[in-house]
Amino acid sequence: MSEITPSQTVGPFFAYGLTPKGRCEWDPNGSYSWKNTVESNLVTPDASGTRIRIEGVVLDGDGLPINDCMIEIWQADSQGRYAHARDNRAPNTKFKGFGRSATDKAGVFAFDTIKPGQVPGPGGKPQAPHIVVCIFSRGMLRQVYTRLYFDDEPANASDPILTLVPEDRRGTLIAHKQPGTDHQYRFDIRVQGGDETVFFEI
């Protein structure tokens, strides 16, 4: 009779397989000699739409930064089209809508991307512009998923997914435009604790 093999935590990560910039502190040359396939800058020269920057920090249950997380994002383009075979409105640019960022020593991650457009939701109802966020971190048996919405989007009020979240918890899914900037947003992720980010079952 065979037994179930034990679970294994997600991370810590082997730097060579992560490195969005191809860099590693212990590498004498400061970088790897390879071409990055996934980076934290999603913007392509031919991509249309508003360019934005998203920055945030990943915090543990004690409110301390987690310095070895990997954050992945997936999103539509500015016209609400996904670079995926199942979306027959496939974008006509090189914008793929997928990126990856490691957290630094202070638990900070960042992405440069295009603000997404609205996409169809359940029953064809339009969803507010949002980004799907996946978090990998030490101590997790599997990655967790959440969403990032923008605080300056009126469509949030009628988004079919966001409105499923209890009202007092929706704020954990909102990225806030930073004072004095036009296109920079702040989105912190709390993996545990009283103000834990809402995560979704996928």
N, C-alpha and C. Protein backbone atom coordinates (compact mmCIF):
# COMPACT_ATOMS: atom_id res chain seq x y z
N MET A 1 0.85 -1.19 0.00
CA MET A 1 0.00 0.00 0.00
C MET A 1 0.88 1.24 0.00
N SER A 2 0.65 2.08 -0.96
CA SER A 2 1.44 3.31 -1.04
C SER A 2 0.85 4.39 -0.15
N GLU A 3 1.70 5.29 0.31
CA GLU A 3 1.28 6.39 1.16
C GLU A 3 1.48 7.71 0.45
N ILE A 4 0.72 8.70 0.88
CA ILE A 4 0.86 10.03 0.31
C ILE A 4 2.21 10.62 0.71
N THR A 5 2.89 11.18 -0.25
CA THR A 5 4.17 11.81 0.07
C THR A 5 3.93 13.10 0.83
N PRO A 6 4.85 13.47 1.71
CA PRO A 6 4.64 14.69 2.51
C PRO A 6 4.67 15.95 1.67
N SER A 7 3.98 16.99 2.15
CA SER A 7 3.97 18.27 1.47
C SER A 7 5.32 18.96 1.60
N GLN A 8 5.59 19.84 0.70
CA GLN A 8 6.83 20.60 0.73
C GLN A 8 6.50 22.07 0.64
N THR A 9 7.18 22.89 1.40
CA THR A 9 6.88 24.32 1.37
C THR A 9 7.34 24.95 0.08
N VAL A 10 6.74 26.08 -0.26
CA VAL A 10 7.12 26.85 -1.44
C VAL A 10 8.31 27.72 -1.07
N GLY A 11 9.44 27.53 -1.73
CA GLY A 11 10.63 28.33 -1.44
C GLY A 11 11.38 27.80 -0.22
N PRO A 12 12.55 28.32 0.13
CA PRO A 12 13.18 29.46 -0.56
C PRO A 12 13.59 29.11 -1.98
N PHE A 13 13.79 30.14 -2.81
CA PHE A 13 13.98 29.93 -4.22
C PHE A 13 15.46 29.92 -4.60
N PHE A 14 15.78 29.04 -5.54
CA PHE A 14 17.11 29.01 -6.11
C PHE A 14 17.24 30.23 -7.01
N ALA A 15 18.17 31.11 -6.71
CA ALA A 15 18.25 32.42 -7.36
C ALA A 15 18.32 32.33 -8.88
N TYR A 16 19.01 31.33 -9.41
CA TYR A 16 19.17 31.24 -10.86
C TYR A 16 17.83 31.06 -11.56
N GLY A 17 16.88 30.41 -10.89
CA GLY A 17 15.58 30.18 -11.50
C GLY A 17 14.61 31.31 -11.30
N LEU A 18 14.97 32.31 -10.52
CA LEU A 18 14.07 33.43 -10.23
C LEU A 18 14.55 34.68 -10.95
N THR A 19 15.56 35.30 -10.38
CA THR A 19 16.24 36.50 -10.91
C THR A 19 15.57 37.20 -12.08
N PRO A 20 14.61 38.10 -11.81
CA PRO A 20 14.00 38.84 -12.90
C PRO A 20 15.00 39.68 -13.68
N LYS A 21 16.05 40.10 -13.02
CA LYS A 21 17.06 40.91 -13.69
C LYS A 21 18.31 40.09 -14.03
N GLY A 22 18.28 38.79 -13.76
CA GLY A 22 19.44 37.97 -14.02
C GLY A 22 20.60 38.27 -13.11
N ARG A 23 20.33 38.83 -11.92
CA ARG A 23 21.41 39.24 -11.04
C ARG A 23 21.44 38.38 -9.77
N CYS A 24 22.61 38.24 -9.22
CA CYS A 24 22.77 37.49 -7.98
C CYS A 24 23.95 38.06 -7.21
N GLU A 25 23.77 38.28 -5.91
CA GLU A 25 24.80 38.94 -5.12
C GLU A 25 26.09 38.14 -5.06
N TRP A 26 25.98 36.78 -5.05
CA TRP A 26 27.20 36.01 -4.89
C TRP A 26 27.89 35.70 -6.22
N ASP A 27 27.29 36.11 -7.33
CA ASP A 27 27.93 35.93 -8.64
C ASP A 27 29.04 36.97 -8.79
N PRO A 28 30.29 36.55 -9.01
CA PRO A 28 31.40 37.51 -9.13
C PRO A 28 31.16 38.58 -10.20
N ASN A 29 30.43 38.23 -11.24
CA ASN A 29 30.17 39.18 -12.31
C ASN A 29 28.90 40.00 -12.07
N GLY A 30 28.17 39.64 -11.02
CA GLY A 30 26.96 40.40 -10.69
C GLY A 30 25.75 40.03 -11.52
N SER A 31 25.90 39.09 -12.47
CA SER A 31 24.75 38.72 -13.28
C SER A 31 24.98 37.37 -13.93
N TYR A 32 23.90 36.76 -14.40
CA TYR A 32 23.98 35.51 -15.13
C TYR A 32 24.02 35.81 -16.63
N SER A 33 24.66 34.95 -17.38
CA SER A 33 24.74 35.15 -18.83
C SER A 33 23.58 34.43 -19.51
N TRP A 34 22.39 34.94 -19.33
CA TRP A 34 21.23 34.39 -19.99
C TRP A 34 20.23 35.50 -20.27
N LYS A 35 19.32 35.24 -21.15
CA LYS A 35 18.28 36.21 -21.47
C LYS A 35 17.08 35.94 -20.57
N ASN A 36 16.59 36.98 -19.91
CA ASN A 36 15.45 36.81 -19.02
C ASN A 36 14.19 36.51 -19.82
N THR A 37 13.43 35.52 -19.36
CA THR A 37 12.18 35.18 -20.03
C THR A 37 10.99 35.87 -19.37
N VAL A 38 11.09 36.17 -18.09
CA VAL A 38 10.02 36.84 -17.36
C VAL A 38 10.64 37.94 -16.52
N GLU A 39 10.11 39.14 -16.61
CA GLU A 39 10.65 40.26 -15.87
C GLU A 39 9.55 41.03 -15.17
N SER A 40 9.95 42.00 -14.38
CA SER A 40 8.98 42.84 -13.67
C SER A 40 8.53 44.03 -14.51
N ASN A 41 9.16 44.24 -15.65
CA ASN A 41 8.75 45.29 -16.58
C ASN A 41 7.99 44.62 -17.73
N LEU A 42 6.67 44.81 -17.75
CA LEU A 42 5.83 44.17 -18.76
C LEU A 42 5.64 45.03 -20.00
N VAL A 43 6.07 46.28 -19.95
CA VAL A 43 5.80 47.23 -21.02
C VAL A 43 6.63 46.90 -22.25
N THR A 44 5.94 46.81 -23.40
CA THR A 44 6.61 46.63 -24.68
C THR A 44 6.46 47.91 -25.49
N PRO A 45 7.40 48.18 -26.40
CA PRO A 45 7.36 49.44 -27.15
C PRO A 45 6.06 49.68 -27.91
N ASP A 46 5.39 48.60 -28.31
CA ASP A 46 4.18 48.76 -29.12
C ASP A 46 2.90 48.72 -28.29
N ALA A 47 3.02 48.60 -26.98
CA ALA A 47 1.83 48.49 -26.13
C ALA A 47 1.14 49.85 -25.97
N SER A 48 -0.16 49.86 -26.18
CA SER A 48 -0.93 51.09 -26.01
C SER A 48 -1.53 51.13 -24.62
N GLY A 49 -1.94 52.31 -24.19
CA GLY A 49 -2.55 52.45 -22.87
C GLY A 49 -1.69 53.25 -21.92
N THR A 50 -2.20 53.40 -20.70
CA THR A 50 -1.52 54.17 -19.67
C THR A 50 -0.46 53.34 -18.97
N ARG A 51 0.76 53.81 -18.99
CA ARG A 51 1.83 53.10 -18.29
C ARG A 51 1.76 53.42 -16.80
N ILE A 52 1.84 52.38 -15.98
CA ILE A 52 1.76 52.56 -14.54
C ILE A 52 2.88 51.79 -13.85
N ARG A 53 3.14 52.17 -12.61
CA ARG A 53 4.08 51.43 -11.76
C ARG A 53 3.36 51.02 -10.50
N ILE A 54 3.54 49.76 -10.12
CA ILE A 54 2.94 49.22 -8.91
C ILE A 54 4.06 48.82 -7.97
N GLU A 55 4.03 49.34 -6.75
CA GLU A 55 5.03 48.98 -5.74
C GLU A 55 4.31 48.57 -4.47
N GLY A 56 4.93 47.67 -3.73
CA GLY A 56 4.34 47.24 -2.46
C GLY A 56 5.33 46.43 -1.66
N VAL A 57 4.88 46.01 -0.50
CA VAL A 57 5.70 45.19 0.38
C VAL A 57 4.88 43.99 0.82
N VAL A 58 5.54 42.85 0.98
CA VAL A 58 4.88 41.64 1.47
C VAL A 58 5.23 41.49 2.95
N LEU A 59 4.19 41.35 3.78
CA LEU A 59 4.37 41.30 5.23
C LEU A 59 3.88 39.97 5.79
N ASP A 60 4.54 39.49 6.85
CA ASP A 60 4.10 38.26 7.50
C ASP A 60 3.08 38.57 8.60
N GLY A 61 2.72 37.57 9.39
CA GLY A 61 1.71 37.75 10.42
C GLY A 61 2.10 38.72 11.52
N ASP A 62 3.39 38.96 11.68
CA ASP A 62 3.87 39.91 12.69
C ASP A 62 4.09 41.30 12.11
N GLY A 63 3.73 41.47 10.84
CA GLY A 63 3.93 42.76 10.21
C GLY A 63 5.35 43.00 9.75
N LEU A 64 6.16 41.95 9.68
CA LEU A 64 7.55 42.08 9.25
C LEU A 64 7.66 41.73 7.77
N PRO A 65 8.56 42.38 7.04
CA PRO A 65 8.70 42.11 5.60
C PRO A 65 9.23 40.72 5.32
N ILE A 66 8.74 40.12 4.26
CA ILE A 66 9.23 38.82 3.80
C ILE A 66 10.16 39.09 2.63
N ASN A 67 11.42 38.74 2.80
CA ASN A 67 12.43 39.16 1.83
C ASN A 67 12.75 38.12 0.76
N ASP A 68 11.99 37.02 0.72
CA ASP A 68 12.29 36.02 -0.30
C ASP A 68 11.02 35.50 -0.98
N CYS A 69 10.06 36.39 -1.17
CA CYS A 69 8.85 36.05 -1.91
C CYS A 69 9.08 36.18 -3.41
N MET A 70 8.25 35.49 -4.15
CA MET A 70 8.17 35.72 -5.58
C MET A 70 6.72 36.09 -5.89
N ILE A 71 6.54 37.20 -6.58
CA ILE A 71 5.20 37.68 -6.95
C ILE A 71 5.05 37.56 -8.46
N GLU A 72 3.96 36.93 -8.88
CA GLU A 72 3.64 36.86 -10.30
C GLU A 72 2.33 37.60 -10.55
N ILE A 73 2.24 38.25 -11.69
CA ILE A 73 0.99 38.92 -12.06
C ILE A 73 0.58 38.49 -13.46
N TRP A 74 -0.74 38.53 -13.68
CA TRP A 74 -1.30 38.23 -15.00
C TRP A 74 -2.45 39.18 -15.22
N GLN A 75 -2.51 39.79 -16.39
CA GLN A 75 -3.50 40.82 -16.63
C GLN A 75 -3.85 40.96 -18.09
N ALA A 76 -4.96 41.65 -18.35
CA ALA A 76 -5.35 41.99 -19.72
C ALA A 76 -4.59 43.25 -20.15
N ASP A 77 -4.65 43.54 -21.45
CA ASP A 77 -4.06 44.77 -21.94
C ASP A 77 -5.03 45.93 -21.73
N SER A 78 -4.71 47.08 -22.25
CA SER A 78 -5.54 48.27 -22.00
C SER A 78 -6.92 48.17 -22.65
N GLN A 79 -7.08 47.24 -23.59
CA GLN A 79 -8.37 47.05 -24.25
C GLN A 79 -9.15 45.88 -23.64
N GLY A 80 -8.62 45.33 -22.55
CA GLY A 80 -9.30 44.21 -21.90
C GLY A 80 -9.11 42.88 -22.62
N ARG A 81 -8.00 42.74 -23.34
CA ARG A 81 -7.72 41.50 -24.08
C ARG A 81 -6.55 40.77 -23.44
N TYR A 82 -6.70 39.44 -23.32
CA TYR A 82 -5.63 38.61 -22.76
C TYR A 82 -4.78 38.00 -23.87
N ALA A 83 -3.48 37.91 -23.62
CA ALA A 83 -2.58 37.24 -24.56
C ALA A 83 -2.66 35.74 -24.30
N HIS A 84 -3.77 35.15 -24.68
CA HIS A 84 -4.02 33.74 -24.43
C HIS A 84 -4.86 33.18 -25.56
N ALA A 85 -4.60 31.92 -25.91
CA ALA A 85 -5.29 31.30 -27.03
C ALA A 85 -6.80 31.26 -26.84
N ARG A 86 -7.27 31.24 -25.60
CA ARG A 86 -8.71 31.16 -25.35
C ARG A 86 -9.41 32.52 -25.50
N ASP A 87 -8.62 33.57 -25.64
CA ASP A 87 -9.19 34.89 -25.88
C ASP A 87 -9.08 35.18 -27.37
N ASN A 88 -10.21 35.08 -28.09
CA ASN A 88 -10.16 35.27 -29.53
C ASN A 88 -10.00 36.74 -29.92
N ARG A 89 -9.91 37.61 -28.90
CA ARG A 89 -9.62 39.02 -29.17
C ARG A 89 -8.15 39.30 -28.90
N ALA A 90 -7.32 38.30 -29.12
CA ALA A 90 -5.90 38.37 -28.76
C ALA A 90 -5.29 39.71 -29.13
N PRO A 91 -4.47 40.29 -28.25
CA PRO A 91 -3.87 41.61 -28.51
C PRO A 91 -2.98 41.60 -29.73
N ASN A 92 -2.93 42.73 -30.41
CA ASN A 92 -2.11 42.82 -31.62
C ASN A 92 -0.75 43.44 -31.32
N THR A 93 -0.34 43.34 -30.06
CA THR A 93 0.98 43.85 -29.67
C THR A 93 1.78 42.73 -29.05
N LYS A 94 3.00 43.03 -28.66
CA LYS A 94 3.84 42.04 -27.99
C LYS A 94 3.60 42.00 -26.49
N PHE A 95 2.68 42.82 -25.99
CA PHE A 95 2.37 42.85 -24.57
C PHE A 95 1.74 41.52 -24.15
N LYS A 96 2.38 40.81 -23.21
CA LYS A 96 1.92 39.49 -22.80
C LYS A 96 1.12 39.51 -21.49
N GLY A 97 1.26 40.56 -20.71
CA GLY A 97 0.47 40.66 -19.50
C GLY A 97 0.90 39.74 -18.38
N PHE A 98 2.12 39.20 -18.43
CA PHE A 98 2.61 38.32 -17.38
C PHE A 98 3.97 38.81 -16.91
N GLY A 99 4.15 38.90 -15.58
CA GLY A 99 5.42 39.37 -15.04
C GLY A 99 5.73 38.72 -13.72
N ARG A 100 6.96 38.88 -13.30
CA ARG A 100 7.43 38.26 -12.06
C ARG A 100 8.41 39.19 -11.36
N SER A 101 8.25 39.33 -10.05
CA SER A 101 9.15 40.17 -9.27
C SER A 101 9.48 39.46 -7.96
N ALA A 102 10.75 39.48 -7.60
CA ALA A 102 11.17 38.99 -6.28
C ALA A 102 11.11 40.14 -5.30
N THR A 103 10.87 39.83 -4.03
CA THR A 103 10.95 40.88 -3.01
C THR A 103 12.42 41.08 -2.63
N ASP A 104 12.76 42.33 -2.29
CA ASP A 104 14.14 42.61 -1.89
C ASP A 104 14.29 42.42 -0.38
N LYS A 105 15.39 42.89 0.17
CA LYS A 105 15.65 42.69 1.59
C LYS A 105 14.62 43.35 2.48
N ALA A 106 13.94 44.37 1.95
CA ALA A 106 12.91 45.07 2.72
C ALA A 106 11.51 44.53 2.41
N GLY A 107 11.43 43.44 1.65
CA GLY A 107 10.14 42.85 1.31
C GLY A 107 9.41 43.57 0.20
N VAL A 108 10.12 44.43 -0.54
CA VAL A 108 9.49 45.27 -1.56
C VAL A 108 9.53 44.59 -2.93
N PHE A 109 8.43 44.70 -3.65
CA PHE A 109 8.35 44.26 -5.04
C PHE A 109 7.85 45.42 -5.89
N ALA A 110 8.03 45.33 -7.20
CA ALA A 110 7.57 46.41 -8.08
C ALA A 110 7.35 45.88 -9.49
N PHE A 111 6.38 46.47 -10.17
CA PHE A 111 6.10 46.14 -11.56
C PHE A 111 5.87 47.42 -12.36
N ASP A 112 6.37 47.44 -13.58
CA ASP A 112 6.03 48.47 -14.55
C ASP A 112 5.16 47.79 -15.60
N THR A 113 3.97 48.33 -15.83
CA THR A 113 3.04 47.66 -16.72
C THR A 113 2.08 48.68 -17.34
N ILE A 114 1.04 48.17 -17.97
CA ILE A 114 -0.01 48.97 -18.58
C ILE A 114 -1.27 48.80 -17.76
N LYS A 115 -1.99 49.87 -17.51
CA LYS A 115 -3.23 49.73 -16.75
C LYS A 115 -4.22 48.91 -17.57
N PRO A 116 -4.75 47.83 -17.01
CA PRO A 116 -5.63 46.95 -17.78
C PRO A 116 -7.00 47.57 -18.02
N GLY A 117 -7.64 47.08 -19.07
CA GLY A 117 -9.01 47.48 -19.34
C GLY A 117 -9.99 46.52 -18.68
N GLN A 118 -11.28 46.76 -18.86
CA GLN A 118 -12.30 45.88 -18.32
C GLN A 118 -12.37 44.60 -19.13
N VAL A 119 -12.66 43.49 -18.45
CA VAL A 119 -12.80 42.19 -19.10
C VAL A 119 -14.15 41.59 -18.73
N PRO A 120 -14.66 40.67 -19.55
CA PRO A 120 -15.94 40.03 -19.22
C PRO A 120 -15.82 39.18 -17.97
N GLY A 121 -16.88 39.17 -17.17
CA GLY A 121 -16.92 38.36 -15.96
C GLY A 121 -18.02 37.33 -16.05
N PRO A 122 -18.45 36.78 -14.90
CA PRO A 122 -19.52 35.80 -14.90
C PRO A 122 -20.78 36.33 -15.59
N GLY A 123 -21.33 35.52 -16.48
CA GLY A 123 -22.53 35.93 -17.20
C GLY A 123 -22.31 37.06 -18.17
N GLY A 124 -21.05 37.33 -18.49
CA GLY A 124 -20.73 38.41 -19.42
C GLY A 124 -20.71 39.78 -18.80
N LYS A 125 -20.95 39.87 -17.50
CA LYS A 125 -20.94 41.16 -16.83
C LYS A 125 -19.51 41.70 -16.76
N PRO A 126 -19.29 42.96 -17.12
CA PRO A 126 -17.92 43.48 -17.14
C PRO A 126 -17.31 43.57 -15.74
N GLN A 127 -16.05 43.21 -15.67
CA GLN A 127 -15.30 43.34 -14.42
C GLN A 127 -14.51 44.64 -14.43
N ALA A 128 -14.30 45.20 -13.28
CA ALA A 128 -13.47 46.39 -13.16
C ALA A 128 -12.03 46.04 -13.55
N PRO A 129 -11.26 47.01 -14.04
CA PRO A 129 -9.85 46.74 -14.33
C PRO A 129 -9.16 46.15 -13.10
N HIS A 130 -8.45 45.06 -13.30
CA HIS A 130 -7.79 44.41 -12.17
C HIS A 130 -6.61 43.59 -12.67
N ILE A 131 -5.78 43.16 -11.74
CA ILE A 131 -4.62 42.32 -12.03
C ILE A 131 -4.68 41.12 -11.10
N VAL A 132 -4.46 39.93 -11.64
CA VAL A 132 -4.38 38.72 -10.82
C VAL A 132 -2.97 38.63 -10.25
N VAL A 133 -2.88 38.40 -8.95
CA VAL A 133 -1.58 38.37 -8.25
C VAL A 133 -1.40 37.00 -7.60
N CYS A 134 -0.26 36.40 -7.81
CA CYS A 134 0.07 35.09 -7.22
C CYS A 134 1.30 35.26 -6.34
N ILE A 135 1.22 34.73 -5.11
CA ILE A 135 2.31 34.89 -4.14
C ILE A 135 2.91 33.54 -3.81
N PHE A 136 4.22 33.40 -4.00
CA PHE A 136 4.98 32.23 -3.59
C PHE A 136 5.88 32.67 -2.43
N SER A 137 5.95 31.88 -1.38
CA SER A 137 6.79 32.28 -0.25
C SER A 137 7.14 31.07 0.60
N ARG A 138 8.23 31.19 1.33
CA ARG A 138 8.62 30.14 2.27
C ARG A 138 7.51 29.91 3.29
N GLY A 139 7.37 28.68 3.72
CA GLY A 139 6.36 28.35 4.71
C GLY A 139 5.00 28.05 4.12
N MET A 140 4.81 28.33 2.83
CA MET A 140 3.53 28.03 2.17
C MET A 140 3.60 26.66 1.51
N LEU A 141 2.55 25.87 1.68
CA LEU A 141 2.49 24.58 1.04
C LEU A 141 2.12 24.72 -0.44
N ARG A 142 1.49 25.82 -0.78
CA ARG A 142 1.17 26.12 -2.18
C ARG A 142 1.02 27.62 -2.32
N GLN A 143 1.13 28.11 -3.53
CA GLN A 143 0.99 29.53 -3.78
C GLN A 143 -0.44 29.99 -3.49
N VAL A 144 -0.61 31.28 -3.25
CA VAL A 144 -1.94 31.84 -3.02
C VAL A 144 -2.21 32.92 -4.05
N TYR A 145 -3.50 33.15 -4.31
CA TYR A 145 -3.92 34.09 -5.35
C TYR A 145 -4.79 35.19 -4.78
N THR A 146 -4.59 36.38 -5.29
CA THR A 146 -5.46 37.49 -4.93
C THR A 146 -5.66 38.37 -6.16
N ARG A 147 -6.33 39.48 -5.97
CA ARG A 147 -6.56 40.43 -7.05
C ARG A 147 -6.15 41.83 -6.60
N LEU A 148 -5.73 42.61 -7.57
CA LEU A 148 -5.39 44.01 -7.33
C LEU A 148 -6.37 44.85 -8.14
N TYR A 149 -7.12 45.70 -7.44
CA TYR A 149 -8.00 46.67 -8.08
C TYR A 149 -7.43 48.07 -7.84
N PHE A 150 -7.90 49.05 -8.60
CA PHE A 150 -7.38 50.40 -8.53
C PHE A 150 -8.38 51.33 -7.85
N ASP A 151 -7.90 52.16 -6.93
CA ASP A 151 -8.80 52.99 -6.12
C ASP A 151 -9.49 54.10 -6.91
N ASP A 152 -9.03 54.36 -8.15
CA ASP A 152 -9.63 55.43 -8.94
C ASP A 152 -10.56 54.90 -10.03
N GLU A 153 -11.05 53.67 -9.86
CA GLU A 153 -11.93 53.06 -10.84
C GLU A 153 -13.37 53.00 -10.33
N PRO A 154 -14.29 53.77 -10.90
CA PRO A 154 -15.70 53.71 -10.49
C PRO A 154 -16.31 52.33 -10.67
N ALA A 155 -15.80 51.54 -11.63
CA ALA A 155 -16.36 50.22 -11.92
C ALA A 155 -16.17 49.25 -10.77
N ASN A 156 -15.33 49.58 -9.78
CA ASN A 156 -15.15 48.70 -8.62
C ASN A 156 -16.48 48.43 -7.91
N ALA A 157 -17.35 49.43 -7.89
CA ALA A 157 -18.61 49.33 -7.15
C ALA A 157 -19.53 48.23 -7.68
N SER A 158 -19.36 47.88 -8.96
CA SER A 158 -20.24 46.86 -9.54
C SER A 158 -19.48 45.63 -10.01
N ASP A 159 -18.20 45.51 -9.66
CA ASP A 159 -17.43 44.35 -10.08
C ASP A 159 -18.02 43.08 -9.48
N PRO A 160 -18.33 42.06 -10.30
CA PRO A 160 -19.00 40.87 -9.79
C PRO A 160 -18.17 40.02 -8.84
N ILE A 161 -16.86 40.15 -8.88
CA ILE A 161 -16.00 39.39 -7.96
C ILE A 161 -15.73 40.19 -6.69
N LEU A 162 -15.38 41.46 -6.85
CA LEU A 162 -15.08 42.29 -5.70
C LEU A 162 -16.28 42.41 -4.76
N THR A 163 -17.48 42.47 -5.32
CA THR A 163 -18.67 42.61 -4.48
C THR A 163 -19.01 41.33 -3.72
N LEU A 164 -18.37 40.21 -4.06
CA LEU A 164 -18.54 38.98 -3.28
C LEU A 164 -17.76 39.03 -1.97
N VAL A 165 -16.76 39.89 -1.92
CA VAL A 165 -15.90 40.02 -0.74
C VAL A 165 -16.61 40.90 0.29
N PRO A 166 -16.63 40.49 1.58
CA PRO A 166 -17.24 41.34 2.60
C PRO A 166 -16.70 42.77 2.52
N GLU A 167 -17.59 43.73 2.67
CA GLU A 167 -17.22 45.13 2.45
C GLU A 167 -16.04 45.56 3.29
N ASP A 168 -15.96 45.08 4.53
CA ASP A 168 -14.87 45.51 5.41
C ASP A 168 -13.53 44.87 5.05
N ARG A 169 -13.53 43.94 4.07
CA ARG A 169 -12.29 43.28 3.65
C ARG A 169 -11.85 43.71 2.26
N ARG A 170 -12.69 44.43 1.54
CA ARG A 170 -12.37 44.80 0.16
C ARG A 170 -11.15 45.70 0.06
N GLY A 171 -10.89 46.47 1.08
CA GLY A 171 -9.75 47.38 1.05
C GLY A 171 -8.43 46.67 0.88
N THR A 172 -8.35 45.38 1.26
CA THR A 172 -7.09 44.64 1.12
C THR A 172 -6.78 44.33 -0.34
N LEU A 173 -7.75 44.57 -1.22
CA LEU A 173 -7.57 44.28 -2.65
C LEU A 173 -7.38 45.55 -3.48
N ILE A 174 -7.30 46.69 -2.82
CA ILE A 174 -7.25 47.97 -3.52
C ILE A 174 -5.84 48.56 -3.53
N ALA A 175 -5.36 48.87 -4.73
CA ALA A 175 -4.09 49.60 -4.87
C ALA A 175 -4.39 51.09 -4.89
N HIS A 176 -3.60 51.85 -4.16
CA HIS A 176 -3.87 53.29 -3.99
C HIS A 176 -2.88 54.13 -4.79
N LYS A 177 -3.43 55.06 -5.55
CA LYS A 177 -2.58 55.98 -6.30
C LYS A 177 -1.79 56.84 -5.30
N GLN A 178 -0.51 56.96 -5.54
CA GLN A 178 0.35 57.67 -4.61
C GLN A 178 0.27 59.19 -4.80
N PRO A 179 0.21 59.93 -3.70
CA PRO A 179 0.12 61.40 -3.78
C PRO A 179 1.27 61.98 -4.60
N GLY A 180 0.94 62.96 -5.41
CA GLY A 180 1.96 63.62 -6.21
C GLY A 180 2.38 62.87 -7.45
N THR A 181 1.73 61.73 -7.72
CA THR A 181 2.04 60.96 -8.93
C THR A 181 0.77 60.75 -9.74
N ASP A 182 0.93 60.55 -11.02
CA ASP A 182 -0.21 60.29 -11.88
C ASP A 182 -0.42 58.81 -12.15
N HIS A 183 0.67 58.05 -12.11
CA HIS A 183 0.58 56.67 -12.57
C HIS A 183 1.31 55.68 -11.66
N GLN A 184 1.45 56.01 -10.39
CA GLN A 184 2.12 55.08 -9.47
C GLN A 184 1.14 54.66 -8.38
N TYR A 185 1.07 53.34 -8.13
CA TYR A 185 0.14 52.78 -7.16
C TYR A 185 0.88 51.97 -6.11
N ARG A 186 0.29 51.95 -4.91
CA ARG A 186 0.84 51.19 -3.80
C ARG A 186 -0.09 50.04 -3.46
N PHE A 187 0.47 48.81 -3.38
CA PHE A 187 -0.33 47.63 -3.06
C PHE A 187 0.48 46.72 -2.16
N ASP A 188 0.16 46.73 -0.85
CA ASP A 188 0.84 45.87 0.11
C ASP A 188 0.08 44.56 0.26
N ILE A 189 0.82 43.48 0.51
CA ILE A 189 0.24 42.15 0.67
C ILE A 189 0.58 41.64 2.06
N ARG A 190 -0.45 41.27 2.81
CA ARG A 190 -0.26 40.71 4.15
C ARG A 190 -0.72 39.26 4.13
N VAL A 191 0.23 38.34 4.32
CA VAL A 191 -0.09 36.92 4.16
C VAL A 191 -0.79 36.33 5.38
N GLN A 192 -0.74 37.03 6.51
CA GLN A 192 -1.42 36.59 7.73
C GLN A 192 -1.74 37.81 8.57
N GLY A 193 -2.49 37.59 9.65
CA GLY A 193 -2.73 38.68 10.59
C GLY A 193 -4.12 39.26 10.48
N GLY A 194 -4.37 40.26 11.32
CA GLY A 194 -5.69 40.86 11.41
C GLY A 194 -6.14 41.54 10.14
N ASP A 195 -5.21 42.06 9.36
CA ASP A 195 -5.54 42.75 8.12
C ASP A 195 -5.05 41.94 6.93
N GLU A 196 -5.16 40.61 7.04
CA GLU A 196 -4.69 39.71 5.99
C GLU A 196 -5.36 40.02 4.66
N THR A 197 -4.57 39.98 3.60
CA THR A 197 -5.11 40.18 2.26
C THR A 197 -6.11 39.06 1.94
N VAL A 198 -7.18 39.39 1.26
CA VAL A 198 -8.14 38.37 0.83
C VAL A 198 -7.51 37.53 -0.28
N PHE A 199 -7.54 36.22 -0.09
CA PHE A 199 -7.04 35.29 -1.09
C PHE A 199 -8.20 34.46 -1.63
N PHE A 200 -8.07 34.03 -2.89
CA PHE A 200 -9.14 33.31 -3.56
C PHE A 200 -8.77 31.85 -3.80
N GLU A 201 -9.74 30.97 -3.74
CA GLU A 201 -9.53 29.58 -4.09
C GLU A 201 -9.60 29.47 -5.61
N ILE A 202 -8.57 28.88 -6.19
CA ILE A 202 -8.49 28.74 -7.65
C ILE A 202 -8.61 27.26 -8.02
